[in-house]
PDB file of N, CA and C in Angstrom:
ATOM      1  N   MET A   1    -247.446-175.645 -95.553  1.00  0.00           N
ATOM      2  CA  MET A   1    -247.448-174.201 -95.703  1.00  0.00           C
ATOM      3  C   MET A   1    -246.131-173.695 -95.062  1.00  0.00           C
ATOM      4  N   PRO A   2    -245.316-172.926 -95.796  1.00  0.00           N
ATOM      5  CA  PRO A   2    -244.055-172.444 -95.272  1.00  0.00           C
ATOM      6  C   PRO A   2    -244.273-171.333 -94.218  1.00  0.00           C
ATOM      7  N   ILE A   3    -243.380-171.311 -93.247  1.00  0.00           N
ATOM      8  CA  ILE A   3    -243.451-170.280 -92.219  1.00  0.00           C
ATOM      9  C   ILE A   3    -242.744-169.033 -92.762  1.00  0.00           C
ATOM     10  N   THR A   4    -243.445-167.951 -92.740  1.00  0.00           N
ATOM     11  CA  THR A   4    -242.861-166.714 -93.231  1.00  0.00           C
ATOM     12  C   THR A   4    -242.716-165.724 -92.078  1.00  0.00           C
ATOM     13  N   LYS A   5    -241.768-164.848 -92.230  1.00  0.00           N
ATOM     14  CA  LYS A   5    -241.536-163.816 -91.213  1.00  0.00           C
ATOM     15  C   LYS A   5    -242.611-162.750 -91.361  1.00  0.00           C
ATOM     16  N   ARG A   6    -243.309-162.471 -90.248  1.00  0.00           N
ATOM     17  CA  ARG A   6    -244.310-161.427 -90.283  1.00  0.00           C
ATOM     18  C   ARG A   6    -243.661-160.070 -90.230  1.00  0.00           C
ATOM     19  N   GLN A   7    -244.314-159.122 -90.837  1.00  0.00           N
ATOM     20  CA  GLN A   7    -243.802-157.767 -90.766  1.00  0.00           C
ATOM     21  C   GLN A   7    -243.940-157.268 -89.341  1.00  0.00           C
ATOM     22  N   GLY A   8    -242.928-156.513 -88.903  1.00  0.00           N
ATOM     23  CA  GLY A   8    -242.975-155.953 -87.587  1.00  0.00           C
ATOM     24  C   GLY A   8    -242.347-156.826 -86.517  1.00  0.00           C
ATOM     25  N   THR A   9    -241.896-158.017 -86.863  1.00  0.00           N
ATOM     26  CA  THR A   9    -241.251-158.852 -85.852  1.00  0.00           C
ATOM     27  C   THR A   9    -239.825-158.378 -85.623  1.00  0.00           C
ATOM     28  N   GLN A  10    -239.356-158.612 -84.400  1.00  0.00           N
ATOM     29  CA  GLN A  10    -237.998-158.173 -84.038  1.00  0.00           C
ATOM     30  C   GLN A  10    -237.255-159.358 -83.430  1.00  0.00           C
ATOM     31  N   PRO A  11    -235.956-159.326 -83.544  1.00  0.00           N
ATOM     32  CA  PRO A  11    -235.164-160.362 -82.876  1.00  0.00           C
ATOM     33  C   PRO A  11    -235.328-160.240 -81.359  1.00  0.00           C
ATOM     34  N   ILE A  12    -235.181-161.355 -80.669  1.00  0.00           N
ATOM     35  CA  ILE A  12    -235.370-161.358 -79.209  1.00  0.00           C
ATOM     36  C   ILE A  12    -234.358-160.444 -78.529  1.00  0.00           C
ATOM     37  N   ALA A  13    -233.146-160.309 -79.058  1.00  0.00           N
ATOM     38  CA  ALA A  13    -232.131-159.432 -78.469  1.00  0.00           C
ATOM     39  C   ALA A  13    -232.605-157.986 -78.462  1.00  0.00           C
ATOM     40  N   ALA A  14    -233.252-157.560 -79.523  1.00  0.00           N
ATOM     41  CA  ALA A  14    -233.766-156.193 -79.595  1.00  0.00           C
ATOM     42  C   ALA A  14    -234.902-155.977 -78.605  1.00  0.00           C
ATOM     43  N   ILE A  15    -235.735-156.974 -78.454  1.00  0.00           N
ATOM     44  CA  ILE A  15    -236.862-156.862 -77.511  1.00  0.00           C
ATOM     45  C   ILE A  15    -236.338-156.798 -76.077  1.00  0.00           C
ATOM     46  N   LEU A  16    -235.371-157.656 -75.730  1.00  0.00           N
ATOM     47  CA  LEU A  16    -234.808-157.637 -74.393  1.00  0.00           C
ATOM     48  C   LEU A  16    -234.074-156.337 -74.093  1.00  0.00           C
ATOM     49  N   SER A  17    -233.340-155.832 -75.065  1.00  0.00           N
ATOM     50  CA  SER A  17    -232.649-154.577 -74.890  1.00  0.00           C
ATOM     51  C   SER A  17    -233.622-153.433 -74.626  1.00  0.00           C
ATOM     52  N   ASP A  18    -234.708-153.412 -75.357  1.00  0.00           N
ATOM     53  CA  ASP A  18    -235.733-152.402 -75.156  1.00  0.00           C
ATOM     54  C   ASP A  18    -236.385-152.538 -73.779  1.00  0.00           C
ATOM     55  N   LEU A  19    -236.631-153.762 -73.332  1.00  0.00           N
ATOM     56  CA  LEU A  19    -237.208-153.997 -72.030  1.00  0.00           C
ATOM     57  C   LEU A  19    -236.291-153.513 -70.891  1.00  0.00           C
ATOM     58  N   VAL A  20    -235.014-153.827 -71.010  1.00  0.00           N
ATOM     59  CA  VAL A  20    -234.019-153.397 -70.005  1.00  0.00           C
ATOM     60  C   VAL A  20    -233.990-151.890 -69.923  1.00  0.00           C
ATOM     61  N   THR A  21    -234.010-151.229 -71.063  1.00  0.00           N
ATOM     62  CA  THR A  21    -233.982-149.765 -71.096  1.00  0.00           C
ATOM     63  C   THR A  21    -235.253-149.174 -70.497  1.00  0.00           C
ATOM     64  N   ARG A  22    -236.387-149.682 -70.884  1.00  0.00           N
ATOM     65  CA  ARG A  22    -237.669-149.135 -70.394  1.00  0.00           C
ATOM     66  C   ARG A  22    -237.867-149.340 -68.901  1.00  0.00           C
ATOM     67  N   ARG A  23    -237.477-150.467 -68.381  1.00  0.00           N
ATOM     68  CA  ARG A  23    -237.690-150.797 -66.967  1.00  0.00           C
ATOM     69  C   ARG A  23    -236.595-150.232 -66.049  1.00  0.00           C
ATOM     70  N   GLY A  24    -235.497-149.746 -66.655  1.00  0.00           N
ATOM     71  CA  GLY A  24    -234.429-149.179 -65.838  1.00  0.00           C
ATOM     72  C   GLY A  24    -233.520-150.184 -65.161  1.00  0.00           C
ATOM     73  N   PHE A  25    -233.518-151.422 -65.662  1.00  0.00           N
ATOM     74  CA  PHE A  25    -232.684-152.452 -65.031  1.00  0.00           C
ATOM     75  C   PHE A  25    -231.210-152.115 -65.131  1.00  0.00           C
ATOM     76  N   ALA A  26    -230.780-151.508 -66.200  1.00  0.00           N
ATOM     77  CA  ALA A  26    -229.377-151.150 -66.353  1.00  0.00           C
ATOM     78  C   ALA A  26    -228.981-150.097 -65.304  1.00  0.00           C
ATOM     79  N   HIS A  27    -229.883-149.153 -65.044  1.00  0.00           N
ATOM     80  CA  HIS A  27    -229.622-148.120 -64.040  1.00  0.00           C
ATOM     81  C   HIS A  27    -229.494-148.754 -62.658  1.00  0.00           C
ATOM     82  N   VAL A  28    -230.366-149.688 -62.327  1.00  0.00           N
ATOM     83  CA  VAL A  28    -230.331-150.363 -61.034  1.00  0.00           C
ATOM     84  C   VAL A  28    -229.026-151.119 -60.871  1.00  0.00           C
ATOM     85  N   ARG A  29    -228.616-151.817 -61.883  1.00  0.00           N
ATOM     86  CA  ARG A  29    -227.371-152.575 -61.816  1.00  0.00           C
ATOM     87  C   ARG A  29    -226.186-151.631 -61.705  1.00  0.00           C
ATOM     88  N   GLY A  30    -226.206-150.516 -62.410  1.00  0.00           N
ATOM     89  CA  GLY A  30    -225.150-149.528 -62.317  1.00  0.00           C
ATOM     90  C   GLY A  30    -225.069-148.924 -60.938  1.00  0.00           C
ATOM     91  N   GLN A  31    -226.238-148.647 -60.326  1.00  0.00           N
ATOM     92  CA  GLN A  31    -226.288-148.103 -58.979  1.00  0.00           C
ATOM     93  C   GLN A  31    -225.708-149.114 -57.979  1.00  0.00           C
ATOM     94  N   GLU A  32    -226.031-150.367 -58.105  1.00  0.00           N
ATOM     95  CA  GLU A  32    -225.515-151.390 -57.215  1.00  0.00           C
ATOM     96  C   GLU A  32    -223.984-151.493 -57.357  1.00  0.00           C
ATOM     97  N   HIS A  33    -223.481-151.361 -58.571  1.00  0.00           N
ATOM     98  CA  HIS A  33    -222.044-151.396 -58.812  1.00  0.00           C
ATOM     99  C   HIS A  33    -221.361-150.207 -58.128  1.00  0.00           C
ATOM    100  N   LEU A  34    -221.962-149.027 -58.226  1.00  0.00           N
ATOM    101  CA  LEU A  34    -221.421-147.842 -57.560  1.00  0.00           C
ATOM    102  C   LEU A  34    -221.413-148.016 -56.032  1.00  0.00           C
ATOM    103  N   GLU A  35    -222.507-148.560 -55.493  1.00  0.00           N
ATOM    104  CA  GLU A  35    -222.610-148.761 -54.046  1.00  0.00           C
ATOM    105  C   GLU A  35    -221.552-149.745 -53.542  1.00  0.00           C
ATOM    106  N   THR A  36    -221.349-150.816 -54.266  1.00  0.00           N
ATOM    107  CA  THR A  36    -220.328-151.800 -53.888  1.00  0.00           C
ATOM    108  C   THR A  36    -218.945-151.176 -53.939  1.00  0.00           C
ATOM    109  N   ALA A  37    -218.661-150.443 -55.008  1.00  0.00           N
ATOM    110  CA  ALA A  37    -217.357-149.770 -55.155  1.00  0.00           C
ATOM    111  C   ALA A  37    -217.140-148.761 -54.041  1.00  0.00           C
ATOM    112  N   TRP A  38    -218.193-148.013 -53.671  1.00  0.00           N
ATOM    113  CA  TRP A  38    -218.071-147.031 -52.602  1.00  0.00           C
ATOM    114  C   TRP A  38    -217.781-147.707 -51.263  1.00  0.00           C
ATOM    115  N   ARG A  39    -218.509-148.784 -50.947  1.00  0.00           N
ATOM    116  CA  ARG A  39    -218.267-149.484 -49.685  1.00  0.00           C
ATOM    117  C   ARG A  39    -216.845-150.004 -49.617  1.00  0.00           C
ATOM    118  N   THR A  40    -216.320-150.482 -50.710  1.00  0.00           N
ATOM    119  CA  THR A  40    -214.951-150.944 -50.732  1.00  0.00           C
ATOM    120  C   THR A  40    -213.969-149.820 -50.591  1.00  0.00           C
ATOM    121  N   ALA A  41    -214.228-148.682 -51.257  1.00  0.00           N
ATOM    122  CA  ALA A  41    -213.337-147.536 -51.230  1.00  0.00           C
ATOM    123  C   ALA A  41    -213.240-146.918 -49.841  1.00  0.00           C
ATOM    124  N   ILE A  42    -214.368-146.828 -49.146  1.00  0.00           N
ATOM    125  CA  ILE A  42    -214.362-146.149 -47.828  1.00  0.00           C
ATOM    126  C   ILE A  42    -214.171-147.120 -46.681  1.00  0.00           C
ATOM    127  N   GLY A  43    -214.503-148.397 -46.865  1.00  0.00           N
ATOM    128  CA  GLY A  43    -214.397-149.372 -45.796  1.00  0.00           C
ATOM    129  C   GLY A  43    -215.687-149.445 -44.995  1.00  0.00           C
ATOM    130  N   GLU A  44    -215.858-150.519 -44.240  1.00  0.00           N
ATOM    131  CA  GLU A  44    -217.104-150.731 -43.504  1.00  0.00           C
ATOM    132  C   GLU A  44    -217.453-149.657 -42.487  1.00  0.00           C
ATOM    133  N   PRO A  45    -216.500-149.175 -41.697  1.00  0.00           N
ATOM    134  CA  PRO A  45    -216.904-148.157 -40.702  1.00  0.00           C
ATOM    135  C   PRO A  45    -217.491-146.918 -41.364  1.00  0.00           C
ATOM    136  N   GLY A  46    -216.905-146.458 -42.449  1.00  0.00           N
ATOM    137  CA  GLY A  46    -217.411-145.267 -43.151  1.00  0.00           C
ATOM    138  C   GLY A  46    -218.676-145.566 -43.940  1.00  0.00           C
ATOM    139  N   ALA A  47    -218.775-146.769 -44.484  1.00  0.00           N
ATOM    140  CA  ALA A  47    -219.950-147.150 -45.274  1.00  0.00           C
ATOM    141  C   ALA A  47    -221.208-147.199 -44.400  1.00  0.00           C
ATOM    142  N   LYS A  48    -221.022-147.458 -43.107  1.00  0.00           N
ATOM    143  CA  LYS A  48    -222.147-147.523 -42.203  1.00  0.00           C
ATOM    144  C   LYS A  48    -222.871-146.166 -42.078  1.00  0.00           C
ATOM    145  N   TYR A  49    -222.108-145.087 -42.265  1.00  0.00           N
ATOM    146  CA  TYR A  49    -222.650-143.738 -42.052  1.00  0.00           C
ATOM    147  C   TYR A  49    -222.785-142.932 -43.346  1.00  0.00           C
ATOM    148  N   THR A  50    -222.629-143.579 -44.474  1.00  0.00           N
ATOM    149  CA  THR A  50    -222.774-142.900 -45.762  1.00  0.00           C
ATOM    150  C   THR A  50    -223.598-143.751 -46.698  1.00  0.00           C
ATOM    151  N   ARG A  51    -224.099-143.123 -47.726  1.00  0.00           N
ATOM    152  CA  ARG A  51    -224.763-143.879 -48.804  1.00  0.00           C
ATOM    153  C   ARG A  51    -224.587-143.123 -50.126  1.00  0.00           C
ATOM    154  N   VAL A  52    -224.654-143.866 -51.192  1.00  0.00           N
ATOM    155  CA  VAL A  52    -224.444-143.330 -52.543  1.00  0.00           C
ATOM    156  C   VAL A  52    -225.717-142.636 -53.018  1.00  0.00           C
ATOM    157  N   GLY A  53    -225.537-141.426 -53.526  1.00  0.00           N
ATOM    158  CA  GLY A  53    -226.640-140.693 -54.134  1.00  0.00           C
ATOM    159  C   GLY A  53    -226.582-140.865 -55.639  1.00  0.00           C
ATOM    160  N   ALA A  54    -226.758-139.775 -56.356  1.00  0.00           N
ATOM    161  CA  ALA A  54    -226.813-139.808 -57.812  1.00  0.00           C
ATOM    162  C   ALA A  54    -225.416-139.561 -58.408  1.00  0.00           C
ATOM    163  N   LEU A  55    -225.228-140.076 -59.606  1.00  0.00           N
ATOM    164  CA  LEU A  55    -224.033-139.771 -60.391  1.00  0.00           C
ATOM    165  C   LEU A  55    -224.486-138.894 -61.548  1.00  0.00           C
ATOM    166  N   ARG A  56    -224.016-137.641 -61.542  1.00  0.00           N
ATOM    167  CA  ARG A  56    -224.400-136.684 -62.584  1.00  0.00           C
ATOM    168  C   ARG A  56    -223.148-136.025 -63.156  1.00  0.00           C
ATOM    169  N   ARG A  57    -223.005-136.112 -64.438  1.00  0.00           N
ATOM    170  CA  ARG A  57    -221.887-135.463 -65.140  1.00  0.00           C
ATOM    171  C   ARG A  57    -220.523-135.741 -64.510  1.00  0.00           C
ATOM    172  N   GLY A  58    -220.337-136.982 -64.083  1.00  0.00           N
ATOM    173  CA  GLY A  58    -219.042-137.398 -63.549  1.00  0.00           C
ATOM    174  C   GLY A  58    -218.865-137.101 -62.078  1.00  0.00           C
ATOM    175  N   THR A  59    -219.856-136.494 -61.420  1.00  0.00           N
ATOM    176  CA  THR A  59    -219.769-136.188 -59.988  1.00  0.00           C
ATOM    177  C   THR A  59    -220.685-137.117 -59.210  1.00  0.00           C
ATOM    178  N   LEU A  60    -220.110-137.884 -58.296  1.00  0.00           N
ATOM    179  CA  LEU A  60    -220.888-138.804 -57.475  1.00  0.00           C
ATOM    180  C   LEU A  60    -221.255-138.115 -56.175  1.00  0.00           C
ATOM    181  N   GLU A  61    -222.529-138.116 -55.865  1.00  0.00           N
ATOM    182  CA  GLU A  61    -222.995-137.534 -54.615  1.00  0.00           C
ATOM    183  C   GLU A  61    -223.012-138.607 -53.544  1.00  0.00           C
ATOM    184  N   ILE A  62    -222.403-138.280 -52.400  1.00  0.00           N
ATOM    185  CA  ILE A  62    -222.393-139.183 -51.247  1.00  0.00           C
ATOM    186  C   ILE A  62    -223.124-138.477 -50.113  1.00  0.00           C
ATOM    187  N   LEU A  63    -224.130-139.159 -49.562  1.00  0.00           N
ATOM    188  CA  LEU A  63    -224.918-138.639 -48.469  1.00  0.00           C
ATOM    189  C   LEU A  63    -224.286-139.112 -47.169  1.00  0.00           C
ATOM    190  N   VAL A  64    -224.049-138.178 -46.256  1.00  0.00           N
ATOM    191  CA  VAL A  64    -223.313-138.430 -45.016  1.00  0.00           C
ATOM    192  C   VAL A  64    -224.218-138.209 -43.817  1.00  0.00           C
ATOM    193  N   ALA A  65    -224.128-139.096 -42.823  1.00  0.00           N
ATOM    194  CA  ALA A  65    -225.061-139.071 -41.701  1.00  0.00           C
ATOM    195  C   ALA A  65    -224.847-137.945 -40.710  1.00  0.00           C
ATOM    196  N   ASN A  66    -223.628-137.459 -40.550  1.00  0.00           N
ATOM    197  CA  ASN A  66    -223.427-136.401 -39.570  1.00  0.00           C
ATOM    198  C   ASN A  66    -222.361-135.413 -40.022  1.00  0.00           C
ATOM    199  N   SER A  67    -222.411-134.245 -39.436  1.00  0.00           N
ATOM    200  CA  SER A  67    -221.533-133.144 -39.879  1.00  0.00           C
ATOM    201  C   SER A  67    -220.057-133.372 -39.540  1.00  0.00           C
ATOM    202  N   VAL A  68    -219.784-134.108 -38.470  1.00  0.00           N
ATOM    203  CA  VAL A  68    -218.378-134.390 -38.103  1.00  0.00           C
ATOM    204  C   VAL A  68    -217.737-135.248 -39.175  1.00  0.00           C
ATOM    205  N   LEU A  69    -218.429-136.301 -39.587  1.00  0.00           N
ATOM    206  CA  LEU A  69    -217.895-137.164 -40.658  1.00  0.00           C
ATOM    207  C   LEU A  69    -217.831-136.406 -41.972  1.00  0.00           C
ATOM    208  N   LEU A  70    -218.811-135.592 -42.266  1.00  0.00           N
ATOM    209  CA  LEU A  70    -218.819-134.786 -43.474  1.00  0.00           C
ATOM    210  C   LEU A  70    -217.553-133.931 -43.546  1.00  0.00           C
ATOM    211  N   GLN A  71    -217.230-133.265 -42.458  1.00  0.00           N
ATOM    212  CA  GLN A  71    -216.028-132.412 -42.401  1.00  0.00           C
ATOM    213  C   GLN A  71    -214.766-133.243 -42.627  1.00  0.00           C
ATOM    214  N   GLU A  72    -214.697-134.401 -42.039  1.00  0.00           N
ATOM    215  CA  GLU A  72    -213.548-135.304 -42.171  1.00  0.00           C
ATOM    216  C   GLU A  72    -213.382-135.737 -43.638  1.00  0.00           C
ATOM    217  N   LEU A  73    -214.471-136.115 -44.262  1.00  0.00           N
ATOM    218  CA  LEU A  73    -214.417-136.598 -45.643  1.00  0.00           C
ATOM    219  C   LEU A  73    -214.028-135.490 -46.597  1.00  0.00           C
ATOM    220  N   VAL A  74    -214.643-134.320 -46.458  1.00  0.00           N
ATOM    221  CA  VAL A  74    -214.352-133.199 -47.335  1.00  0.00           C
ATOM    222  C   VAL A  74    -212.934-132.669 -47.129  1.00  0.00           C
ATOM    223  N   GLY A  75    -212.567-132.522 -45.864  1.00  0.00           N
ATOM    224  CA  GLY A  75    -211.294-131.870 -45.562  1.00  0.00           C
ATOM    225  C   GLY A  75    -210.066-132.736 -45.690  1.00  0.00           C
ATOM    226  N   PHE A  76    -210.179-134.054 -45.408  1.00  0.00           N
ATOM    227  CA  PHE A  76    -208.998-134.877 -45.318  1.00  0.00           C
ATOM    228  C   PHE A  76    -208.982-136.105 -46.236  1.00  0.00           C
ATOM    229  N   GLN A  77    -210.131-136.639 -46.595  1.00  0.00           N
ATOM    230  CA  GLN A  77    -210.132-137.930 -47.264  1.00  0.00           C
ATOM    231  C   GLN A  77    -210.642-137.903 -48.722  1.00  0.00           C
ATOM    232  N   LYS A  78    -211.136-136.803 -49.177  1.00  0.00           N
ATOM    233  CA  LYS A  78    -211.772-136.755 -50.478  1.00  0.00           C
ATOM    234  C   LYS A  78    -210.894-137.271 -51.625  1.00  0.00           C
ATOM    235  N   GLN A  79    -209.662-136.796 -51.716  1.00  0.00           N
ATOM    236  CA  GLN A  79    -208.808-137.186 -52.839  1.00  0.00           C
ATOM    237  C   GLN A  79    -208.447-138.674 -52.797  1.00  0.00           C
ATOM    238  N   SER A  80    -208.144-139.188 -51.619  1.00  0.00           N
ATOM    239  CA  SER A  80    -207.814-140.615 -51.551  1.00  0.00           C
ATOM    240  C   SER A  80    -209.040-141.499 -51.802  1.00  0.00           C
ATOM    241  N   LEU A  81    -210.221-141.057 -51.322  1.00  0.00           N
ATOM    242  CA  LEU A  81    -211.437-141.792 -51.601  1.00  0.00           C
ATOM    243  C   LEU A  81    -211.753-141.796 -53.084  1.00  0.00           C
ATOM    244  N   LEU A  82    -211.539-140.652 -53.749  1.00  0.00           N
ATOM    245  CA  LEU A  82    -211.790-140.584 -55.187  1.00  0.00           C
ATOM    246  C   LEU A  82    -210.867-141.523 -55.942  1.00  0.00           C
ATOM    247  N   ALA A  83    -209.594-141.570 -55.567  1.00  0.00           N
ATOM    248  CA  ALA A  83    -208.629-142.461 -56.202  1.00  0.00           C
ATOM    249  C   ALA A  83    -209.027-143.927 -55.966  1.00  0.00           C
ATOM    250  N   ASN A  84    -209.405-144.262 -54.739  1.00  0.00           N
ATOM    251  CA  ASN A  84    -209.841-145.625 -54.437  1.00  0.00           C
ATOM    252  C   ASN A  84    -211.083-146.026 -55.211  1.00  0.00           C
ATOM    253  N   LEU A  85    -212.008-145.099 -55.314  1.00  0.00           N
ATOM    254  CA  LEU A  85    -213.241-145.340 -56.045  1.00  0.00           C
ATOM    255  C   LEU A  85    -212.976-145.578 -57.528  1.00  0.00           C
ATOM    256  N   GLN A  86    -212.132-144.743 -58.116  1.00  0.00           N
ATOM    257  CA  GLN A  86    -211.791-144.917 -59.530  1.00  0.00           C
ATOM    258  C   GLN A  86    -211.085-146.237 -59.760  1.00  0.00           C
ATOM    259  N   LYS A  87    -210.265-146.645 -58.820  1.00  0.00           N
ATOM    260  CA  LYS A  87    -209.580-147.926 -58.946  1.00  0.00           C
ATOM    261  C   LYS A  87    -210.582-149.074 -58.867  1.00  0.00           C
ATOM    262  N   GLU A  88    -211.543-148.999 -57.941  1.00  0.00           N
ATOM    263  CA  GLU A  88    -212.566-150.028 -57.810  1.00  0.00           C
ATOM    264  C   GLU A  88    -213.446-150.116 -59.053  1.00  0.00           C
ATOM    265  N   LEU A  89    -213.767-148.975 -59.616  1.00  0.00           N
ATOM    266  CA  LEU A  89    -214.643-148.958 -60.801  1.00  0.00           C
ATOM    267  C   LEU A  89    -213.874-149.249 -62.072  1.00  0.00           C
ATOM    268  N   ASP A  90    -212.562-149.141 -62.005  1.00  0.00           N
ATOM    269  CA  ASP A  90    -211.697-149.370 -63.171  1.00  0.00           C
ATOM    270  C   ASP A  90    -212.081-148.474 -64.337  1.00  0.00           C
ATOM    271  N   SER A  91    -212.460-147.235 -64.003  1.00  0.00           N
ATOM    272  CA  SER A  91    -212.833-146.282 -65.043  1.00  0.00           C
ATOM    273  C   SER A  91    -212.760-144.875 -64.490  1.00  0.00           C
ATOM    274  N   LYS A  92    -212.927-143.935 -65.363  1.00  0.00           N
ATOM    275  CA  LYS A  92    -212.960-142.515 -64.979  1.00  0.00           C
ATOM    276  C   LYS A  92    -214.372-141.958 -65.052  1.00  0.00           C
ATOM    277  N   ASP A  93    -215.361-142.837 -64.896  1.00  0.00           N
ATOM    278  CA  ASP A  93    -216.765-142.361 -64.916  1.00  0.00           C
ATOM    279  C   ASP A  93    -217.033-141.393 -63.773  1.00  0.00           C
ATOM    280  N   VAL A  94    -216.386-141.627 -62.624  1.00  0.00           N
ATOM    281  CA  VAL A  94    -216.499-140.740 -61.484  1.00  0.00           C
ATOM    282  C   VAL A  94    -215.269-139.854 -61.464  1.00  0.00           C
ATOM    283  N   GLN A  95    -215.474-138.571 -61.733  1.00  0.00           N
ATOM    284  CA  GLN A  95    -214.381-137.633 -61.783  1.00  0.00           C
ATOM    285  C   GLN A  95    -214.270-136.774 -60.519  1.00  0.00           C
ATOM    286  N   ASP A  96    -215.343-136.746 -59.750  1.00  0.00           N
ATOM    287  CA  ASP A  96    -215.359-135.959 -58.515  1.00  0.00           C
ATOM    288  C   ASP A  96    -216.376-136.557 -57.553  1.00  0.00           C
ATOM    289  N   ILE A  97    -216.222-136.222 -56.287  1.00  0.00           N
ATOM    290  CA  ILE A  97    -217.181-136.657 -55.258  1.00  0.00           C
ATOM    291  C   ILE A  97    -217.705-135.401 -54.577  1.00  0.00           C
ATOM    292  N   ARG A  98    -219.015-135.358 -54.368  1.00  0.00           N
ATOM    293  CA  ARG A  98    -219.643-134.244 -53.648  1.00  0.00           C
ATOM    294  C   ARG A  98    -220.345-134.855 -52.424  1.00  0.00           C
ATOM    295  N   PHE A  99    -219.972-134.384 -51.263  1.00  0.00           N
ATOM    296  CA  PHE A  99    -220.551-134.880 -50.033  1.00  0.00           C
ATOM    297  C   PHE A  99    -221.666-133.932 -49.566  1.00  0.00           C
ATOM    298  N   ARG A 100    -222.743-134.528 -49.061  1.00  0.00           N
ATOM    299  CA  ARG A 100    -223.889-133.749 -48.617  1.00  0.00           C
ATOM    300  C   ARG A 100    -224.434-134.362 -47.333  1.00  0.00           C
ATOM    301  N   LEU A 101    -224.785-133.505 -46.395  1.00  0.00           N
ATOM    302  CA  LEU A 101    -225.326-133.958 -45.122  1.00  0.00           C
ATOM    303  C   LEU A 101    -226.734-134.510 -45.324  1.00  0.00           C
ATOM    304  N   ASP A 102    -226.989-135.640 -44.722  1.00  0.00           N
ATOM    305  CA  ASP A 102    -228.314-136.292 -44.821  1.00  0.00           C
ATOM    306  C   ASP A 102    -228.562-137.058 -43.548  1.00  0.00           C
ATOM    307  N   GLU A 103    -229.318-136.510 -42.644  1.00  0.00           N
ATOM    308  CA  GLU A 103    -229.564-137.135 -41.348  1.00  0.00           C
ATOM    309  C   GLU A 103    -230.395-138.409 -41.411  1.00  0.00           C
ATOM    310  N   THR A 104    -230.929-138.743 -42.571  1.00  0.00           N
ATOM    311  CA  THR A 104    -231.711-139.993 -42.697  1.00  0.00           C
ATOM    312  C   THR A 104    -230.806-141.197 -42.898  1.00  0.00           C
ATOM    313  N   THR A 105    -229.523-140.964 -43.143  1.00  0.00           N
ATOM    314  CA  THR A 105    -228.590-142.065 -43.405  1.00  0.00           C
ATOM    315  C   THR A 105    -228.287-142.808 -42.107  1.00  0.00           C
TER     316      THR A 105
END
């Protein structure tokens, strides 16, 4: 008896793609990539007191542990950090950085 293709079957690539999308694995991997790029862009001392928030419409939110560091980042380091981050990501996905105070960091 010959094996016939049943109606409704899909290639494994389509099934895996659907699974990745539904479970959010691509988002998790993208978030990890952003976090690694941020740690490299700011360096270990700064990474200890900051964490990556959401990326929305090209603006990356960075949560900062204290107001002194927040002021330093906004006032003096924002443009160089943005350039370093874009270099690390090798793209223009991040067009701006928004810093926000977060005492849980």
